[in-house]
Protein backbone atom coordinates (compact mmCIF):
# COMPACT_ATOMS: atom_id res chain seq x y z
CA MET A 1 57.07 -77.59 -19.43
CA ARG A 2 59.43 -74.66 -18.86
CA TRP A 3 59.59 -72.11 -21.67
CA ASP A 4 63.38 -72.39 -22.00
CA VAL A 5 63.03 -76.14 -22.58
CA ALA A 6 60.12 -75.69 -25.01
CA ARG A 7 62.17 -73.15 -26.98
CA GLY A 8 65.09 -75.56 -27.00
CA ILE A 9 63.03 -78.47 -28.31
CA ALA A 10 61.61 -76.33 -31.12
CA PHE A 11 65.05 -75.04 -32.03
CA TYR A 12 66.73 -78.46 -31.98
CA THR A 13 64.00 -79.81 -34.24
CA TYR A 14 64.83 -77.09 -36.77
CA PHE A 15 68.57 -77.57 -36.22
CA TYR A 16 68.77 -81.29 -36.95
CA ILE A 17 66.27 -81.30 -39.80
CA THR A 18 68.06 -78.49 -41.65
CA MET A 19 71.49 -80.00 -40.94
CA ALA A 20 70.39 -83.28 -42.52
CA LEU A 21 68.72 -81.63 -45.50
CA GLY A 22 71.50 -79.09 -46.00
CA GLY A 23 74.17 -81.75 -45.68
CA VAL A 24 72.64 -83.67 -48.57
CA ILE A 25 71.70 -80.68 -50.74
CA PHE A 26 75.08 -78.97 -50.37
CA PHE A 27 77.15 -82.15 -50.72
CA PRO A 28 77.96 -81.78 -54.45
CA ALA A 29 79.14 -78.19 -54.00
CA ALA A 30 81.06 -78.92 -50.79
CA ALA A 31 82.81 -81.85 -52.46
CA LEU A 32 84.31 -79.51 -55.06
CA SER A 33 86.61 -77.58 -52.74
CA PRO A 34 87.19 -76.49 -49.13
CA ARG A 35 86.18 -72.98 -50.15
CA ALA A 36 82.80 -74.20 -51.39
CA ALA A 37 82.34 -76.31 -48.24
CA ARG A 38 83.04 -73.24 -46.12
CA TRP A 39 80.46 -71.20 -48.03
CA CYS A 40 77.85 -73.95 -47.60
CA GLY A 41 78.55 -74.20 -43.88
CA LYS A 42 78.25 -70.45 -43.38
CA PHE A 43 75.02 -70.32 -45.37
CA TRP A 44 73.50 -72.98 -43.11
CA LEU A 45 74.79 -71.22 -39.99
CA SER A 46 73.07 -68.00 -41.05
CA GLY A 47 69.79 -69.91 -40.82
CA VAL A 48 70.79 -71.38 -37.44
CA PHE A 49 71.44 -67.90 -36.03
CA ALA A 50 68.10 -66.66 -37.39
CA ALA A 51 66.31 -69.60 -35.74
CA LEU A 52 68.12 -68.96 -32.45
CA ARG A 53 66.91 -65.37 -32.52
CA LEU A 54 63.32 -66.11 -33.56
CA ILE A 55 62.72 -69.27 -31.54
CA GLY A 56 65.05 -68.92 -28.58
CA GLY A 57 65.46 -65.18 -28.22
CA VAL A 58 69.24 -65.63 -28.51
CA ARG A 59 71.18 -63.01 -30.44
CA CYS A 60 74.81 -63.50 -31.45
CA ALA A 61 77.45 -60.77 -31.32
CA ILE A 62 81.13 -60.67 -32.25
CA ARG A 63 83.30 -58.14 -30.43
CA GLY A 64 86.77 -56.97 -31.34
CA PRO A 65 88.39 -56.99 -34.76
CA VAL A 66 87.75 -60.28 -36.58
CA PRO A 67 91.11 -61.89 -37.49
CA THR A 68 91.55 -62.08 -41.23
CA GLY A 69 95.24 -62.92 -41.71
CA ARG A 70 97.36 -65.87 -40.66
CA VAL A 71 97.04 -66.19 -36.87
CA VAL A 72 96.57 -68.73 -34.11
CA ILE A 73 93.31 -68.18 -32.21
CA ALA A 74 93.20 -69.56 -28.66
CA ALA A 75 89.49 -69.70 -27.86
CA LYS A 76 87.41 -70.37 -24.80
CA HIS A 77 84.98 -73.24 -25.45
CA GLN A 78 81.68 -73.41 -23.55
CA SER A 79 79.09 -74.50 -26.09
CA MET A 80 78.47 -75.56 -29.69
CA LEU A 81 77.38 -71.98 -30.19
CA ASP A 82 80.84 -70.43 -29.75
CA VAL A 83 82.21 -72.88 -32.34
CA PHE A 84 79.51 -71.89 -34.83
CA MET A 85 80.03 -68.18 -34.19
CA ILE A 86 83.77 -68.43 -34.81
CA VAL A 87 83.29 -70.58 -37.94
CA HIS A 88 80.86 -68.00 -39.32
CA ALA A 89 82.99 -64.97 -38.41
CA LEU A 90 86.39 -66.10 -39.71
CA PRO A 91 87.22 -65.95 -43.41
CA GLU A 92 89.12 -69.27 -43.36
CA GLY A 93 88.98 -70.85 -39.93
CA ARG A 94 90.85 -74.15 -39.57
CA PHE A 95 89.94 -75.90 -36.32
CA VAL A 96 91.83 -78.33 -34.13
CA MET A 97 89.11 -80.76 -32.97
CA LYS A 98 88.90 -84.04 -31.10
CA ARG A 99 89.18 -87.05 -33.40
CA GLU A 100 85.83 -88.52 -32.28
CA LEU A 101 84.02 -85.72 -34.12
CA VAL A 102 85.30 -86.97 -37.47
CA ARG A 103 82.75 -89.79 -37.17
CA ALA A 104 79.85 -87.42 -36.43
CA PRO A 105 77.28 -87.67 -39.24
CA ILE A 106 77.44 -84.73 -41.69
CA PHE A 107 79.26 -82.46 -39.21
CA GLY A 108 82.48 -84.49 -39.28
CA TRP A 109 82.73 -84.64 -43.08
CA TYR A 110 82.06 -80.92 -43.51
CA ALA A 111 84.54 -80.03 -40.76
CA MET A 112 87.27 -82.03 -42.51
CA ARG A 113 86.41 -80.45 -45.87
CA MET A 114 86.83 -77.03 -44.25
CA GLY A 115 90.36 -77.90 -43.07
CA ALA A 116 89.84 -79.14 -39.52
CA VAL A 117 92.68 -81.14 -37.96
CA PRO A 118 91.63 -84.06 -35.70
CA VAL A 119 93.72 -84.80 -32.61
CA ASP A 120 93.80 -87.65 -30.07
CA ARG A 121 93.27 -85.84 -26.78
CA GLY A 122 94.86 -88.60 -24.71
CA GLY A 123 97.70 -89.39 -27.09
CA GLY A 124 100.51 -87.59 -25.26
CA GLN A 125 103.59 -86.27 -27.09
CA PRO A 126 103.09 -88.31 -30.30
CA ALA A 127 99.57 -86.89 -30.66
CA LEU A 128 100.84 -83.38 -29.95
CA LYS A 129 103.53 -83.72 -32.61
CA ALA A 130 101.01 -85.09 -35.13
CA MET A 131 98.62 -82.23 -34.36
CA VAL A 132 101.28 -79.58 -34.95
CA GLU A 133 102.42 -81.25 -38.18
CA GLY A 134 98.83 -81.56 -39.42
CA VAL A 135 97.98 -77.98 -38.65
CA MET A 136 101.17 -76.65 -40.18
CA ALA A 137 100.57 -78.62 -43.39
CA GLY A 138 97.16 -76.99 -43.75
CA ALA A 139 98.42 -73.60 -42.62
CA ARG A 140 100.55 -73.30 -45.75
CA ASN A 141 97.30 -72.53 -47.55
CA GLY A 142 96.60 -69.62 -45.23
CA GLY A 143 93.69 -69.10 -42.91
CA GLN A 144 93.19 -68.78 -39.18
CA ILE A 145 94.14 -71.71 -36.93
CA VAL A 146 91.66 -72.17 -34.06
CA ILE A 147 92.59 -74.22 -31.00
CA TYR A 148 90.84 -74.65 -27.65
CA PRO A 149 93.61 -74.43 -25.04
CA GLN A 150 91.59 -76.28 -22.39
CA GLY A 151 90.94 -79.10 -24.85
CA THR A 152 87.25 -79.45 -24.06
CA ARG A 153 84.03 -77.60 -23.35
CA VAL A 154 84.10 -75.92 -19.93
CA ALA A 155 80.91 -74.72 -18.23
CA PRO A 156 80.71 -71.14 -16.89
CA GLY A 157 82.39 -70.90 -13.51
CA ALA A 158 84.12 -74.30 -13.83
CA ARG A 159 87.88 -74.62 -13.93
CA ALA A 160 90.02 -76.69 -16.31
CA PRO A 161 93.77 -76.47 -16.95
CA TYR A 162 95.19 -74.76 -20.01
CA LYS A 163 97.25 -77.27 -21.99
CA THR A 164 100.60 -76.49 -23.57
CA GLY A 165 99.60 -77.70 -27.04
CA VAL A 166 98.51 -74.15 -27.81
CA HIS A 167 102.05 -72.91 -27.18
CA ALA A 168 103.54 -75.71 -29.30
CA LEU A 169 101.37 -74.55 -32.18
CA TYR A 170 102.10 -70.86 -31.56
CA GLU A 171 105.85 -71.56 -31.43
CA ALA A 172 105.95 -73.86 -34.48
CA SER A 173 103.92 -71.51 -36.64
CA GLY A 174 105.71 -68.30 -35.68
CA LEU A 175 102.33 -66.59 -35.92
CA PRO A 176 100.71 -64.10 -33.54
CA CYS A 177 98.07 -65.47 -31.18
CA ILE A 178 94.67 -63.91 -30.58
CA PRO A 179 92.82 -65.09 -27.45
CA ALA A 180 89.03 -65.25 -27.59
CA ALA A 181 86.50 -65.21 -24.75
CA THR A 182 82.81 -66.13 -24.71
CA ASN A 183 79.62 -66.35 -22.64
CA SER A 184 77.91 -68.75 -25.07
CA ALA A 185 76.89 -71.40 -22.50
CA LEU A 186 74.76 -68.86 -20.67
CA ARG A 187 72.53 -68.82 -23.78
CA TRP A 188 73.02 -72.31 -25.26
CA PRO A 189 74.15 -74.59 -22.42
CA LYS A 190 74.64 -78.33 -22.51
CA GLY A 191 71.22 -79.96 -22.61
CA VAL A 192 67.99 -78.84 -24.26
CA ALA A 193 67.17 -75.42 -22.82
CA LEU A 194 67.87 -72.07 -24.49
CA HIS A 195 68.08 -68.84 -22.50
CA PRO A 196 67.23 -65.52 -24.19
CA GLY A 197 69.89 -62.83 -24.37
CA VAL A 198 73.07 -61.99 -26.23
CA ALA A 199 75.74 -64.63 -26.85
CA VAL A 200 79.15 -63.03 -27.34
CA VAL A 201 82.48 -64.13 -28.74
CA ALA A 202 85.11 -61.48 -28.05
CA PHE A 203 88.43 -61.41 -29.92
CA LEU A 204 91.06 -59.98 -27.57
CA PRO A 205 94.32 -58.08 -28.16
CA GLU A 206 96.98 -59.91 -30.14
CA ILE A 207 100.00 -61.61 -28.54
CA ALA A 208 103.07 -61.14 -30.71
CA PRO A 209 105.15 -64.17 -31.78
CA GLY A 210 108.16 -65.30 -29.78
CA MET A 211 106.91 -65.46 -26.20
CA ALA A 212 108.34 -68.28 -24.04
CA ARG A 213 106.02 -71.01 -22.85
CA ALA A 214 105.50 -70.07 -19.19
CA PRO A 215 104.68 -66.38 -19.72
CA PHE A 216 102.62 -67.20 -22.81
CA MET A 217 100.47 -69.74 -20.95
CA ALA A 218 99.99 -67.34 -18.04
CA ARG A 219 99.06 -64.55 -20.45
CA ILE A 220 96.43 -66.41 -22.44
CA GLU A 221 94.82 -67.88 -19.34
CA ALA A 222 94.63 -64.47 -17.65
CA ASP A 223 93.32 -62.74 -20.78
CA ILE A 224 90.71 -65.36 -21.62
CA GLU A 225 89.45 -66.03 -18.11
CA THR A 226 89.26 -62.33 -17.18
CA ALA A 227 87.33 -61.45 -20.34
CA THR A 228 85.06 -64.51 -20.00
CA ALA A 229 84.22 -63.60 -16.39
CA ARG A 230 83.47 -60.03 -17.50
CA LEU A 231 81.10 -61.25 -20.21
CA ALA A 232 79.33 -63.53 -17.72
CA GLN A 233 78.92 -60.71 -15.22
CA GLU A 234 77.58 -58.44 -17.96
CA ALA A 235 75.10 -61.09 -19.13
CA ARG A 236 73.84 -61.84 -15.63
CA GLY A 237 73.52 -58.15 -14.88
CA GLY A 238 71.41 -57.69 -17.98
CA ALA A 239 69.20 -60.61 -16.96
CA ALA A 240 68.68 -59.11 -13.53
CA GLN A 241 67.53 -55.85 -15.07
CA ARG A 242 64.87 -57.48 -17.29
């Protein structure tokens, strides 16, 4: 058996056992308030990151100033790991997520308690309108709105279009947008294996409110893809040197 697969099996064993136990143990506290649910989730994630480091040789790093005020974050999505890193880093992250995840055991309930907004990815304009209304209703309580502009996980080097829902949210909220790049799938890809090294989420320079759709979409795609490619090149260069 390859070492990266063996590391992955050991880590996933820890991951699912502690998620099940933590989900039950923390349930009474998480049921009290979204703030308590967020604290419980971050506490569990601290253990996940420690296990990644000790078992898989994967270290997690956040680059750039962590958004703390009311903003829209347009994030690259490659792996579960980048989701967990953003959840842990943000003070009050509120995620737009596909509706199917609501039914995921433990994860779905905690995500909803923490203010996630489910969306039907194939629902067209009615789904887009419902997503914006749902996010804006939650945004009145503050926090950082996180949306994945490509709508799904995209493997390193693969291409997927950037969808205009991110601009609809940016326009409706009147908030600045902060793009975010990652190399997370180079460390925790789809499947079982884990690859040692540093997983990075990088928060990029802010885009001020008020930009029209076409230039906004071109800007976030250029910013995110350029920074993501740079992180991948940096990670592969580091691997070549080891």
